[in-house]
Amino acid sequence: MKYLLIVAGLAAAAVVATYARYESLDPCAWLVHDAARRSGLPAMAEEARIRAEFLVRGITEPRADECLGSWWRLRFEGANDGKG
């Protein structure tokens, strides 16, 4: 029971921290936010670029898991570049 409370507390802290950083729990919003911050372009321009990338891959309405995968790739590339 003690470990369950610890895990639940850590999960709640992660949700709060994520919401505090991105003001959303939507991975697509995280992707736009981090891409705009990394490129220095306005969020609307990055959102258009990201939607175009999804369209090239044949995805008209990206699901949360597709955005999450793209967000992880962006974070991984940023970590390798030293910009993450």
Protein backbone atom coordinates (compact mmCIF):
# COMPACT_ATOMS: atom_id res chain seq x y z
CA MET A 1 0.00 0.00 0.00
CA LYS A 2 2.85 2.33 0.83
CA TYR A 3 4.44 1.83 -2.60
CA LEU A 4 1.13 2.40 -4.32
CA LEU A 5 0.82 5.80 -2.63
CA ILE A 6 4.38 6.69 -3.64
CA VAL A 7 3.77 5.72 -7.27
CA ALA A 8 0.46 7.60 -7.33
CA GLY A 9 2.16 10.66 -5.85
CA LEU A 10 4.93 10.54 -8.43
CA ALA A 11 2.40 10.15 -11.24
CA ALA A 12 0.41 13.11 -9.96
CA ALA A 13 3.58 15.20 -9.70
CA ALA A 14 4.50 14.30 -13.30
CA VAL A 15 1.05 15.33 -14.55
CA VAL A 16 1.20 18.64 -12.67
CA ALA A 17 4.73 19.37 -13.93
CA THR A 18 3.77 18.58 -17.52
CA TYR A 19 0.69 20.78 -17.33
CA ALA A 20 2.71 23.59 -15.76
CA ARG A 21 5.24 23.48 -18.59
CA TYR A 22 2.92 23.05 -21.58
CA GLU A 23 -0.46 24.24 -20.24
CA SER A 24 -1.89 21.11 -21.82
CA LEU A 25 -1.84 17.34 -21.50
CA ASP A 26 -2.10 16.91 -25.29
CA PRO A 27 1.11 15.56 -26.89
CA CYS A 28 0.31 17.49 -30.09
CA ALA A 29 0.46 20.73 -28.11
CA TRP A 30 3.79 19.64 -26.58
CA LEU A 31 5.16 18.99 -30.05
CA VAL A 32 4.15 22.43 -31.34
CA HIS A 33 5.43 24.16 -28.18
CA ASP A 34 8.86 22.50 -28.22
CA ALA A 35 9.28 22.82 -32.00
CA ALA A 36 8.46 26.54 -31.85
CA ARG A 37 10.84 27.08 -28.94
CA ARG A 38 13.60 25.19 -30.72
CA SER A 39 13.19 26.93 -34.10
CA GLY A 40 12.32 30.39 -32.83
CA LEU A 41 9.32 30.54 -35.18
CA PRO A 42 5.82 31.44 -34.02
CA ALA A 43 3.74 28.52 -32.79
CA MET A 44 1.28 28.92 -35.68
CA ALA A 45 4.08 28.53 -38.22
CA GLU A 46 5.41 25.44 -36.47
CA GLU A 47 1.93 23.96 -36.24
CA ALA A 48 1.50 24.41 -40.01
CA ARG A 49 4.90 22.80 -40.64
CA ILE A 50 4.10 19.87 -38.36
CA ARG A 51 0.69 19.35 -39.99
CA ALA A 52 2.38 19.37 -43.40
CA GLU A 53 4.83 16.70 -42.20
CA PHE A 54 1.95 14.56 -41.01
CA LEU A 55 0.14 15.06 -44.33
CA VAL A 56 3.23 13.91 -46.23
CA ARG A 57 3.09 10.73 -44.16
CA GLY A 58 -0.61 10.35 -45.01
CA ILE A 59 -1.92 11.39 -41.59
CA THR A 60 -4.69 13.97 -41.82
CA GLU A 61 -5.65 14.05 -38.13
CA PRO A 62 -2.75 12.94 -35.95
CA ARG A 63 -3.64 10.84 -32.92
CA ALA A 64 -2.05 11.42 -29.53
CA ASP A 65 0.33 8.47 -29.98
CA GLU A 66 1.54 9.81 -33.34
CA CYS A 67 2.18 13.24 -31.83
CA LEU A 68 3.89 11.64 -28.86
CA GLY A 69 6.23 9.70 -31.16
CA SER A 70 7.09 12.85 -33.09
CA TRP A 71 7.60 14.75 -29.83
CA TRP A 72 10.02 12.08 -28.58
CA ARG A 73 11.94 12.24 -31.88
CA LEU A 74 12.16 16.03 -31.57
CA ARG A 75 13.40 15.72 -27.97
CA PHE A 76 15.92 13.05 -28.96
CA GLU A 77 17.27 15.15 -31.85
CA GLY A 78 17.46 18.17 -29.54
CA ALA A 79 19.41 16.16 -26.98
CA ASN A 80 21.89 15.09 -29.65
CA ASP A 81 22.24 18.67 -30.91
CA GLY A 82 22.62 20.09 -27.42
CA LYS A 83 19.43 22.13 -27.93
CA GLY A 84 17.08 19.87 -26.01
